Amino acid sequence: MLHFFHRLLQKPGIIKNDTRTCIYCGKCQKTCHHKAINVDKKNKAWVIDHEKCHCCGHCIKKCPIHALMLEINIP
């Protein structure tokens, strides 16, 4: 039973960015309620703090070119 609850509390995966298509607009950063994403348009850098990220998916929905995706953890 403990294993069941532990699995419920785990994140479903991690947010990934396809940096080949990302335009570094910063919409994902502005949308993130947990301040887990940092976008530097000038230097074309995108960083996510997976410790802060809750995998809520708001950033994925906000991305205008669909460069973000949830990479699922498979046990």
N, C-alpha and C. Protein backbone atom coordinates (compact mmCIF):
# COMPACT_ATOMS: atom_id res chain seq x y z
N MET A 1 0.82 -1.19 0.00
CA MET A 1 0.00 0.00 0.00
C MET A 1 0.87 1.26 0.00
N LEU A 2 1.93 1.26 0.75
CA LEU A 2 2.84 2.41 0.81
C LEU A 2 3.42 2.70 -0.58
N HIS A 3 3.75 1.65 -1.32
CA HIS A 3 4.28 1.81 -2.67
C HIS A 3 3.27 2.55 -3.57
N PHE A 4 2.01 2.24 -3.42
CA PHE A 4 0.95 2.88 -4.20
C PHE A 4 0.94 4.39 -3.96
N PHE A 5 0.97 4.81 -2.70
CA PHE A 5 0.95 6.24 -2.38
C PHE A 5 2.24 6.93 -2.81
N HIS A 6 3.35 6.25 -2.71
CA HIS A 6 4.61 6.82 -3.15
C HIS A 6 4.56 7.11 -4.66
N ARG A 7 3.98 6.21 -5.42
CA ARG A 7 3.87 6.41 -6.87
C ARG A 7 2.94 7.57 -7.21
N LEU A 8 1.90 7.77 -6.41
CA LEU A 8 0.99 8.89 -6.64
C LEU A 8 1.68 10.24 -6.43
N LEU A 9 2.62 10.28 -5.50
CA LEU A 9 3.32 11.52 -5.19
C LEU A 9 4.45 11.83 -6.16
N GLN A 10 4.90 10.84 -6.91
CA GLN A 10 5.98 11.06 -7.85
C GLN A 10 5.51 11.89 -9.03
N LYS A 11 6.41 12.65 -9.59
CA LYS A 11 6.10 13.41 -10.79
C LYS A 11 5.96 12.44 -11.96
N PRO A 12 5.08 12.77 -12.91
CA PRO A 12 4.87 11.86 -14.04
C PRO A 12 6.05 11.81 -15.00
N GLY A 13 6.95 12.78 -14.91
CA GLY A 13 8.10 12.82 -15.81
C GLY A 13 8.82 14.14 -15.65
N ILE A 14 9.45 14.60 -16.73
CA ILE A 14 10.13 15.89 -16.71
C ILE A 14 9.79 16.65 -17.99
N ILE A 15 9.80 17.97 -17.88
CA ILE A 15 9.54 18.83 -19.03
C ILE A 15 10.82 18.95 -19.83
N LYS A 16 10.72 18.74 -21.12
CA LYS A 16 11.85 18.86 -22.04
C LYS A 16 11.56 19.94 -23.07
N ASN A 17 12.61 20.57 -23.56
CA ASN A 17 12.50 21.61 -24.58
C ASN A 17 13.26 21.17 -25.82
N ASP A 18 12.61 21.25 -26.97
CA ASP A 18 13.29 20.98 -28.23
C ASP A 18 13.99 22.27 -28.63
N THR A 19 15.24 22.40 -28.26
CA THR A 19 16.00 23.64 -28.49
C THR A 19 16.26 23.89 -29.97
N ARG A 20 16.03 22.91 -30.81
CA ARG A 20 16.18 23.12 -32.27
C ARG A 20 15.05 23.98 -32.81
N THR A 21 13.88 23.95 -32.16
CA THR A 21 12.75 24.71 -32.65
C THR A 21 12.35 25.86 -31.72
N CYS A 22 12.84 25.86 -30.50
CA CYS A 22 12.49 26.90 -29.52
C CYS A 22 12.88 28.28 -30.05
N ILE A 23 11.98 29.25 -29.89
CA ILE A 23 12.26 30.62 -30.32
C ILE A 23 12.61 31.52 -29.12
N TYR A 24 12.68 30.94 -27.94
CA TYR A 24 13.08 31.64 -26.72
C TYR A 24 12.23 32.88 -26.47
N CYS A 25 10.94 32.74 -26.65
CA CYS A 25 10.01 33.87 -26.47
C CYS A 25 9.77 34.19 -25.01
N GLY A 26 9.96 33.20 -24.12
CA GLY A 26 9.78 33.43 -22.69
C GLY A 26 8.37 33.23 -22.18
N LYS A 27 7.45 32.83 -23.04
CA LYS A 27 6.07 32.62 -22.59
C LYS A 27 5.97 31.51 -21.56
N CYS A 28 6.79 30.49 -21.69
CA CYS A 28 6.78 29.39 -20.72
C CYS A 28 7.25 29.90 -19.35
N GLN A 29 8.26 30.73 -19.36
CA GLN A 29 8.79 31.29 -18.10
C GLN A 29 7.73 32.15 -17.41
N LYS A 30 7.03 32.98 -18.17
CA LYS A 30 6.01 33.85 -17.60
C LYS A 30 4.83 33.06 -17.07
N THR A 31 4.56 31.90 -17.65
CA THR A 31 3.43 31.07 -17.27
C THR A 31 3.71 30.21 -16.04
N CYS A 32 4.97 29.90 -15.80
CA CYS A 32 5.33 28.97 -14.72
C CYS A 32 5.08 29.59 -13.34
N HIS A 33 4.13 29.02 -12.61
CA HIS A 33 3.78 29.50 -11.28
C HIS A 33 4.86 29.20 -10.25
N HIS A 34 5.73 28.26 -10.56
CA HIS A 34 6.73 27.80 -9.60
C HIS A 34 8.11 28.39 -9.87
N LYS A 35 8.19 29.27 -10.87
CA LYS A 35 9.46 29.93 -11.23
C LYS A 35 10.56 28.91 -11.51
N ALA A 36 10.19 27.85 -12.22
CA ALA A 36 11.13 26.76 -12.51
C ALA A 36 11.86 26.94 -13.84
N ILE A 37 11.39 27.85 -14.68
CA ILE A 37 11.96 28.01 -16.02
C ILE A 37 12.65 29.36 -16.13
N ASN A 38 13.84 29.34 -16.74
CA ASN A 38 14.58 30.57 -17.00
C ASN A 38 14.93 30.60 -18.49
N VAL A 39 14.49 31.66 -19.18
CA VAL A 39 14.74 31.81 -20.61
C VAL A 39 15.59 33.06 -20.83
N ASP A 40 16.68 32.88 -21.58
CA ASP A 40 17.54 34.00 -21.95
C ASP A 40 17.51 34.10 -23.47
N LYS A 41 16.67 35.01 -23.96
CA LYS A 41 16.48 35.14 -25.41
C LYS A 41 17.76 35.59 -26.10
N LYS A 42 18.49 36.51 -25.48
CA LYS A 42 19.71 37.04 -26.08
C LYS A 42 20.75 35.95 -26.34
N ASN A 43 20.94 35.07 -25.37
CA ASN A 43 21.94 34.00 -25.49
C ASN A 43 21.35 32.66 -25.94
N LYS A 44 20.06 32.68 -26.26
CA LYS A 44 19.35 31.46 -26.68
C LYS A 44 19.60 30.31 -25.71
N ALA A 45 19.23 30.59 -24.45
CA ALA A 45 19.39 29.58 -23.40
C ALA A 45 18.06 29.34 -22.71
N TRP A 46 17.77 28.09 -22.43
CA TRP A 46 16.55 27.68 -21.76
C TRP A 46 16.93 26.67 -20.70
N VAL A 47 16.58 26.97 -19.45
CA VAL A 47 16.94 26.08 -18.33
C VAL A 47 15.71 25.87 -17.47
N ILE A 48 15.53 24.62 -17.03
CA ILE A 48 14.44 24.31 -16.11
C ILE A 48 15.02 23.69 -14.85
N ASP A 49 14.51 24.12 -13.71
CA ASP A 49 14.90 23.55 -12.42
C ASP A 49 13.89 22.45 -12.11
N HIS A 50 14.31 21.20 -12.29
CA HIS A 50 13.39 20.08 -12.12
C HIS A 50 12.97 19.89 -10.67
N GLU A 51 13.71 20.45 -9.75
CA GLU A 51 13.31 20.39 -8.34
C GLU A 51 12.10 21.29 -8.08
N LYS A 52 12.04 22.43 -8.75
CA LYS A 52 10.93 23.37 -8.58
C LYS A 52 9.73 23.00 -9.45
N CYS A 53 9.99 22.36 -10.59
CA CYS A 53 8.94 22.03 -11.55
C CYS A 53 7.96 21.02 -10.97
N HIS A 54 6.66 21.29 -11.12
CA HIS A 54 5.61 20.38 -10.64
C HIS A 54 4.97 19.60 -11.79
N CYS A 55 5.49 19.76 -13.00
CA CYS A 55 4.96 19.06 -14.18
C CYS A 55 3.46 19.32 -14.37
N CYS A 56 3.05 20.56 -14.12
CA CYS A 56 1.63 20.90 -14.26
C CYS A 56 1.20 21.02 -15.72
N GLY A 57 2.16 21.32 -16.60
CA GLY A 57 1.86 21.40 -18.03
C GLY A 57 1.43 22.76 -18.54
N HIS A 58 1.37 23.76 -17.67
CA HIS A 58 0.97 25.10 -18.11
C HIS A 58 1.93 25.63 -19.18
N CYS A 59 3.21 25.41 -18.98
CA CYS A 59 4.22 25.89 -19.94
C CYS A 59 4.05 25.21 -21.30
N ILE A 60 3.73 23.93 -21.28
CA ILE A 60 3.55 23.18 -22.52
C ILE A 60 2.39 23.77 -23.32
N LYS A 61 1.30 24.07 -22.63
CA LYS A 61 0.11 24.63 -23.30
C LYS A 61 0.38 26.03 -23.84
N LYS A 62 1.25 26.79 -23.17
CA LYS A 62 1.50 28.18 -23.55
C LYS A 62 2.49 28.30 -24.71
N CYS A 63 3.33 27.31 -24.95
CA CYS A 63 4.35 27.38 -25.99
C CYS A 63 3.71 27.53 -27.37
N PRO A 64 4.00 28.64 -28.07
CA PRO A 64 3.33 28.88 -29.36
C PRO A 64 3.79 27.96 -30.49
N ILE A 65 4.95 27.32 -30.33
CA ILE A 65 5.42 26.44 -31.41
C ILE A 65 5.53 24.98 -30.98
N HIS A 66 5.03 24.67 -29.80
CA HIS A 66 4.98 23.30 -29.28
C HIS A 66 6.39 22.69 -29.14
N ALA A 67 7.33 23.50 -28.62
CA ALA A 67 8.70 23.01 -28.42
C ALA A 67 8.84 22.27 -27.09
N LEU A 68 7.87 22.42 -26.20
CA LEU A 68 7.94 21.77 -24.89
C LEU A 68 7.12 20.49 -24.88
N MET A 69 7.61 19.51 -24.13
CA MET A 69 6.88 18.24 -24.00
C MET A 69 7.17 17.62 -22.65
N LEU A 70 6.29 16.76 -22.22
CA LEU A 70 6.47 16.01 -20.98
C LEU A 70 7.06 14.66 -21.34
N GLU A 71 8.26 14.41 -20.86
CA GLU A 71 8.89 13.10 -21.06
C GLU A 71 8.46 12.22 -19.89
N ILE A 72 7.71 11.21 -20.18
CA ILE A 72 7.09 10.34 -19.17
C ILE A 72 8.13 9.41 -18.54
N ASN A 73 8.05 9.26 -17.21
CA ASN A 73 8.86 8.27 -16.49
C ASN A 73 8.20 6.91 -16.66
N ILE A 74 8.95 5.96 -17.14
CA ILE A 74 8.44 4.60 -17.28
C ILE A 74 9.16 3.73 -16.27
N PRO A 75 8.40 3.15 -15.34
CA PRO A 75 9.05 2.35 -14.28
C PRO A 75 9.69 1.09 -14.81
